[in-house]
């Protein structure tokens, strides 16, 4: 059995959870999220706690047990506090500018790259080299951050590009001139 799946989820004050079969709706100060969970798990409310339990002992039930508990916990944390992903732009002349809701990236290409956030995602720029992606759905925030990073991934020879804040990029050595070179 999953150790993560066994832990009950505390519902904080200000957050309401509505369970109808496998459809769960979570409302909080930041917004509303809803998700339909797999039929291999059941979700019940026990006072101020939510309990996720597998239906049966087959492999599918055990597989989705811990995943469902984590997804439900992320929904509760999202509507209460929200999620953030921070990105850094490293490189001479590389920058990001805010244009309404969109962000315009100048990252060494012959053209600029404009990124428009989907509904529920907020993009902000701090200075010219720090970008913050925030929202209530952890999956959408992480996906948007990954799409922004893929515009110009960090180069392993110079270290230039867009990276997550605190991400370590291993710099490879360049070409070495050998002893026999003339």
C-alpha atoms as a PDB file:
ATOM      1  CA  UNK A   1       0.000   0.000   0.000  1.00  0.00           C
ATOM      2  CA  UNK A   2       1.107   3.518  -0.716  1.00  0.00           C
ATOM      3  CA  UNK A   3       2.452   5.387   2.289  1.00  0.00           C
ATOM      4  CA  UNK A   4       1.479   8.697   0.737  1.00  0.00           C
ATOM      5  CA  UNK A   5      -1.997   7.445  -0.115  1.00  0.00           C
ATOM      6  CA  UNK A   6      -2.688   6.378   3.481  1.00  0.00           C
ATOM      7  CA  UNK A   7      -2.221   9.903   4.884  1.00  0.00           C
ATOM      8  CA  UNK A   8      -5.478  11.812   5.360  1.00  0.00           C
ATOM      9  CA  UNK A   9      -5.759  15.309   3.860  1.00  0.00           C
ATOM     10  CA  UNK A  10      -6.699  18.136   6.234  1.00  0.00           C
ATOM     11  CA  UNK A  11      -9.218  20.573   4.782  1.00  0.00           C
ATOM     12  CA  UNK A  12      -8.188  24.065   5.968  1.00  0.00           C
ATOM     13  CA  UNK A  13     -10.733  26.680   7.029  1.00  0.00           C
ATOM     14  CA  UNK A  14     -12.058  28.716   4.103  1.00  0.00           C
ATOM     15  CA  UNK A  15     -11.902  25.758   1.704  1.00  0.00           C
ATOM     16  CA  UNK A  16     -15.014  23.766   0.829  1.00  0.00           C
ATOM     17  CA  UNK A  17     -14.920  20.324  -0.770  1.00  0.00           C
ATOM     18  CA  UNK A  18     -17.921  18.849  -2.587  1.00  0.00           C
ATOM     19  CA  UNK A  19     -17.728  15.113  -3.352  1.00  0.00           C
ATOM     20  CA  UNK A  20     -20.209  13.465  -5.738  1.00  0.00           C
ATOM     21  CA  UNK A  21     -19.025   9.947  -6.474  1.00  0.00           C
ATOM     22  CA  UNK A  22     -15.627  10.385  -8.108  1.00  0.00           C
ATOM     23  CA  UNK A  23     -16.252  14.042  -9.055  1.00  0.00           C
ATOM     24  CA  UNK A  24     -14.603  16.419  -6.575  1.00  0.00           C
ATOM     25  CA  UNK A  25     -15.009  20.207  -6.545  1.00  0.00           C
ATOM     26  CA  UNK A  26     -12.760  22.309  -4.318  1.00  0.00           C
ATOM     27  CA  UNK A  27     -13.558  25.996  -3.678  1.00  0.00           C
ATOM     28  CA  UNK A  28     -11.287  28.407  -1.883  1.00  0.00           C
ATOM     29  CA  UNK A  29     -10.229  32.048  -1.701  1.00  0.00           C
ATOM     30  CA  UNK A  30      -8.170  31.832  -4.926  1.00  0.00           C
ATOM     31  CA  UNK A  31     -10.752  30.027  -7.084  1.00  0.00           C
ATOM     32  CA  UNK A  32     -12.423  26.726  -7.887  1.00  0.00           C
ATOM     33  CA  UNK A  33     -10.966  23.453  -9.182  1.00  0.00           C
ATOM     34  CA  UNK A  34     -12.797  20.270 -10.119  1.00  0.00           C
ATOM     35  CA  UNK A  35     -11.567  16.866 -11.207  1.00  0.00           C
ATOM     36  CA  UNK A  36     -13.001  13.445 -11.928  1.00  0.00           C
ATOM     37  CA  UNK A  37     -10.947  10.723 -10.264  1.00  0.00           C
ATOM     38  CA  UNK A  38     -10.512   7.151 -11.469  1.00  0.00           C
ATOM     39  CA  UNK A  39     -13.061   4.524 -10.380  1.00  0.00           C
ATOM     40  CA  UNK A  40     -10.257   2.498  -8.757  1.00  0.00           C
ATOM     41  CA  UNK A  41     -10.263   4.881  -5.749  1.00  0.00           C
ATOM     42  CA  UNK A  42     -12.901   6.225  -3.398  1.00  0.00           C
ATOM     43  CA  UNK A  43     -12.804   9.604  -1.670  1.00  0.00           C
ATOM     44  CA  UNK A  44     -14.676  10.124   1.590  1.00  0.00           C
ATOM     45  CA  UNK A  45     -14.926  12.946   4.087  1.00  0.00           C
ATOM     46  CA  UNK A  46     -14.232  12.255   7.762  1.00  0.00           C
ATOM     47  CA  UNK A  47     -14.785  15.472   9.721  1.00  0.00           C
ATOM     48  CA  UNK A  48     -12.097  17.959   8.656  1.00  0.00           C
ATOM     49  CA  UNK A  49     -10.160  15.286   6.760  1.00  0.00           C
ATOM     50  CA  UNK A  50     -10.441  13.666   3.343  1.00  0.00           C
ATOM     51  CA  UNK A  51      -9.524   9.990   3.041  1.00  0.00           C
ATOM     52  CA  UNK A  52      -8.576   8.306  -0.228  1.00  0.00           C
ATOM     53  CA  UNK A  53      -8.903   4.514  -0.350  1.00  0.00           C
ATOM     54  CA  UNK A  54      -8.302   1.976  -3.115  1.00  0.00           C
ATOM     55  CA  UNK A  55     -11.170  -0.168  -4.380  1.00  0.00           C
ATOM     56  CA  UNK A  56      -9.815  -3.702  -4.249  1.00  0.00           C
ATOM     57  CA  UNK A  57      -6.222  -4.888  -4.237  1.00  0.00           C
ATOM     58  CA  UNK A  58      -5.469  -5.160  -7.944  1.00  0.00           C
ATOM     59  CA  UNK A  59      -2.523  -3.379  -9.524  1.00  0.00           C
ATOM     60  CA  UNK A  60      -4.576  -0.519 -11.007  1.00  0.00           C
ATOM     61  CA  UNK A  61      -6.145   0.338  -7.651  1.00  0.00           C
ATOM     62  CA  UNK A  62      -2.761   0.356  -5.937  1.00  0.00           C
ATOM     63  CA  UNK A  63      -1.256   2.433  -8.750  1.00  0.00           C
ATOM     64  CA  UNK A  64      -3.866   5.195  -8.638  1.00  0.00           C
ATOM     65  CA  UNK A  65      -4.144   5.258  -4.846  1.00  0.00           C
ATOM     66  CA  UNK A  66      -1.180   7.524  -4.023  1.00  0.00           C
ATOM     67  CA  UNK A  67      -1.569   9.548  -7.224  1.00  0.00           C
ATOM     68  CA  UNK A  68      -5.185  10.408  -6.443  1.00  0.00           C
ATOM     69  CA  UNK A  69      -4.324  11.489  -2.918  1.00  0.00           C
ATOM     70  CA  UNK A  70      -1.543  13.778  -4.203  1.00  0.00           C
ATOM     71  CA  UNK A  71      -3.757  15.305  -6.906  1.00  0.00           C
ATOM     72  CA  UNK A  72      -6.477  16.014  -4.342  1.00  0.00           C
ATOM     73  CA  UNK A  73      -3.961  17.575  -1.942  1.00  0.00           C
ATOM     74  CA  UNK A  74      -2.617  19.773  -4.776  1.00  0.00           C
ATOM     75  CA  UNK A  75      -6.152  20.965  -5.496  1.00  0.00           C
ATOM     76  CA  UNK A  76      -6.633  22.031  -1.872  1.00  0.00           C
ATOM     77  CA  UNK A  77      -3.251  23.773  -1.653  1.00  0.00           C
ATOM     78  CA  UNK A  78      -3.892  25.477  -5.011  1.00  0.00           C
ATOM     79  CA  UNK A  79      -7.213  27.085  -4.088  1.00  0.00           C
ATOM     80  CA  UNK A  80      -5.855  28.150  -0.698  1.00  0.00           C
ATOM     81  CA  UNK A  81      -2.311  29.410  -1.498  1.00  0.00           C
ATOM     82  CA  UNK A  82      -1.707  28.927  -5.235  1.00  0.00           C
ATOM     83  CA  UNK A  83       1.464  27.736  -6.962  1.00  0.00           C
ATOM     84  CA  UNK A  84       4.444  29.640  -8.373  1.00  0.00           C
ATOM     85  CA  UNK A  85       7.315  28.734 -10.676  1.00  0.00           C
ATOM     86  CA  UNK A  86      10.210  31.147 -11.064  1.00  0.00           C
ATOM     87  CA  UNK A  87      12.407  31.275 -14.168  1.00  0.00           C
ATOM     88  CA  UNK A  88      15.672  33.120 -14.810  1.00  0.00           C
ATOM     89  CA  UNK A  89      17.071  34.376 -18.095  1.00  0.00           C
ATOM     90  CA  UNK A  90      20.867  34.086 -18.288  1.00  0.00           C
ATOM     91  CA  UNK A  91      22.888  35.650 -21.098  1.00  0.00           C
ATOM     92  CA  UNK A  92      24.110  38.979 -22.369  1.00  0.00           C
ATOM     93  CA  UNK A  93      21.330  40.910 -24.102  1.00  0.00           C
ATOM     94  CA  UNK A  94      18.627  38.399 -23.207  1.00  0.00           C
ATOM     95  CA  UNK A  95      15.550  39.854 -21.566  1.00  0.00           C
ATOM     96  CA  UNK A  96      11.806  39.624 -21.023  1.00  0.00           C
ATOM     97  CA  UNK A  97       9.298  42.487 -21.208  1.00  0.00           C
ATOM     98  CA  UNK A  98       5.658  42.577 -20.138  1.00  0.00           C
ATOM     99  CA  UNK A  99       3.096  43.674 -22.747  1.00  0.00           C
ATOM    100  CA  UNK A 100      -0.369  43.587 -21.191  1.00  0.00           C
ATOM    101  CA  UNK A 101      -0.918  39.950 -20.185  1.00  0.00           C
ATOM    102  CA  UNK A 102       1.710  38.703 -22.648  1.00  0.00           C
ATOM    103  CA  UNK A 103       5.454  38.467 -22.183  1.00  0.00           C
ATOM    104  CA  UNK A 104       7.888  39.236 -24.998  1.00  0.00           C
ATOM    105  CA  UNK A 105      11.173  37.311 -24.862  1.00  0.00           C
ATOM    106  CA  UNK A 106      14.350  38.515 -26.572  1.00  0.00           C
ATOM    107  CA  UNK A 107      16.637  35.518 -26.169  1.00  0.00           C
ATOM    108  CA  UNK A 108      19.177  35.654 -28.975  1.00  0.00           C
ATOM    109  CA  UNK A 109      17.001  34.836 -31.963  1.00  0.00           C
ATOM    110  CA  UNK A 110      16.498  37.121 -34.971  1.00  0.00           C
ATOM    111  CA  UNK A 111      12.912  37.602 -33.802  1.00  0.00           C
ATOM    112  CA  UNK A 112      11.107  38.094 -30.516  1.00  0.00           C
ATOM    113  CA  UNK A 113       8.985  35.355 -28.972  1.00  0.00           C
ATOM    114  CA  UNK A 114       5.611  36.347 -27.500  1.00  0.00           C
ATOM    115  CA  UNK A 115       3.986  34.128 -24.872  1.00  0.00           C
ATOM    116  CA  UNK A 116       0.298  34.525 -24.024  1.00  0.00           C
ATOM    117  CA  UNK A 117      -0.844  32.845 -20.794  1.00  0.00           C
ATOM    118  CA  UNK A 118      -3.868  30.532 -20.849  1.00  0.00           C
ATOM    119  CA  UNK A 119      -6.873  31.220 -18.621  1.00  0.00           C
ATOM    120  CA  UNK A 120      -6.041  30.824 -14.934  1.00  0.00           C
ATOM    121  CA  UNK A 121      -2.306  31.518 -15.340  1.00  0.00           C
ATOM    122  CA  UNK A 122      -0.625  34.824 -14.484  1.00  0.00           C
ATOM    123  CA  UNK A 123       2.765  35.797 -15.873  1.00  0.00           C
ATOM    124  CA  UNK A 124       4.850  38.562 -14.301  1.00  0.00           C
ATOM    125  CA  UNK A 125       8.324  39.968 -14.936  1.00  0.00           C
ATOM    126  CA  UNK A 126      10.666  41.169 -12.189  1.00  0.00           C
ATOM    127  CA  UNK A 127      13.387  43.345 -13.670  1.00  0.00           C
ATOM    128  CA  UNK A 128      14.292  42.044 -17.107  1.00  0.00           C
ATOM    129  CA  UNK A 129      15.636  38.581 -16.284  1.00  0.00           C
ATOM    130  CA  UNK A 130      13.165  37.024 -13.849  1.00  0.00           C
ATOM    131  CA  UNK A 131       9.785  35.589 -14.877  1.00  0.00           C
ATOM    132  CA  UNK A 132       7.160  34.288 -12.456  1.00  0.00           C
ATOM    133  CA  UNK A 133       4.383  31.895 -13.487  1.00  0.00           C
ATOM    134  CA  UNK A 134       1.544  31.599 -10.970  1.00  0.00           C
ATOM    135  CA  UNK A 135      -1.908  30.030 -10.765  1.00  0.00           C
ATOM    136  CA  UNK A 136      -4.074  27.644  -8.764  1.00  0.00           C
ATOM    137  CA  UNK A 137      -3.618  24.493 -10.874  1.00  0.00           C
ATOM    138  CA  UNK A 138      -0.169  22.975 -10.289  1.00  0.00           C
ATOM    139  CA  UNK A 139      -0.207  21.022 -13.552  1.00  0.00           C
ATOM    140  CA  UNK A 140      -0.991  24.094 -15.673  1.00  0.00           C
ATOM    141  CA  UNK A 141       1.600  26.250 -13.871  1.00  0.00           C
ATOM    142  CA  UNK A 142       4.312  23.626 -14.377  1.00  0.00           C
ATOM    143  CA  UNK A 143       3.340  23.099 -18.023  1.00  0.00           C
ATOM    144  CA  UNK A 144       3.465  26.841 -18.749  1.00  0.00           C
ATOM    145  CA  UNK A 145       6.877  27.126 -17.058  1.00  0.00           C
ATOM    146  CA  UNK A 146       8.164  24.189 -19.114  1.00  0.00           C
ATOM    147  CA  UNK A 147       6.890  25.779 -22.344  1.00  0.00           C
ATOM    148  CA  UNK A 148       8.630  29.063 -21.489  1.00  0.00           C
ATOM    149  CA  UNK A 149      11.860  27.201 -20.662  1.00  0.00           C
ATOM    150  CA  UNK A 150      11.678  25.357 -23.999  1.00  0.00           C
ATOM    151  CA  UNK A 151      11.886  28.671 -25.889  1.00  0.00           C
ATOM    152  CA  UNK A 152      15.630  28.699 -25.206  1.00  0.00           C
ATOM    153  CA  UNK A 153      16.869  25.829 -23.038  1.00  0.00           C
ATOM    154  CA  UNK A 154      20.093  26.421 -21.090  1.00  0.00           C
ATOM    155  CA  UNK A 155      23.183  25.875 -23.204  1.00  0.00           C
ATOM    156  CA  UNK A 156      25.620  23.365 -21.710  1.00  0.00           C
ATOM    157  CA  UNK A 157      28.684  25.125 -23.094  1.00  0.00           C
ATOM    158  CA  UNK A 158      28.023  28.754 -22.111  1.00  0.00           C
ATOM    159  CA  UNK A 159      25.114  28.463 -19.658  1.00  0.00           C
ATOM    160  CA  UNK A 160      22.918  30.915 -21.600  1.00  0.00           C
ATOM    161  CA  UNK A 161      19.161  30.470 -21.876  1.00  0.00           C
ATOM    162  CA  UNK A 162      16.024  30.256 -19.747  1.00  0.00           C
ATOM    163  CA  UNK A 163      16.221  28.084 -16.643  1.00  0.00           C
ATOM    164  CA  UNK A 164      14.241  27.436 -13.489  1.00  0.00           C
ATOM    165  CA  UNK A 165      15.334  29.511 -10.497  1.00  0.00           C
ATOM    166  CA  UNK A 166      18.010  27.553  -8.674  1.00  0.00           C
ATOM    167  CA  UNK A 167      18.463  25.025 -11.500  1.00  0.00           C
ATOM    168  CA  UNK A 168      22.012  23.757 -11.806  1.00  0.00           C
ATOM    169  CA  UNK A 169      23.348  23.660 -15.350  1.00  0.00           C
ATOM    170  CA  UNK A 170      26.524  21.633 -15.767  1.00  0.00           C
ATOM    171  CA  UNK A 171      28.904  23.447 -18.083  1.00  0.00           C
ATOM    172  CA  UNK A 172      30.826  21.142 -20.432  1.00  0.00           C
ATOM    173  CA  UNK A 173      34.416  21.926 -21.339  1.00  0.00           C
ATOM    174  CA  UNK A 174      34.950  23.224 -24.842  1.00  0.00           C
ATOM    175  CA  UNK A 175      37.394  21.784 -27.351  1.00  0.00           C
ATOM    176  CA  UNK A 176      40.790  21.176 -25.850  1.00  0.00           C
ATOM    177  CA  UNK A 177      43.886  21.632 -27.928  1.00  0.00           C
ATOM    178  CA  UNK A 178      45.898  18.445 -27.760  1.00  0.00           C
ATOM    179  CA  UNK A 179      49.661  18.024 -27.546  1.00  0.00           C
ATOM    180  CA  UNK A 180      50.062  17.155 -31.193  1.00  0.00           C
ATOM    181  CA  UNK A 181      48.210  20.171 -32.610  1.00  0.00           C
ATOM    182  CA  UNK A 182      50.249  22.514 -34.774  1.00  0.00           C
END
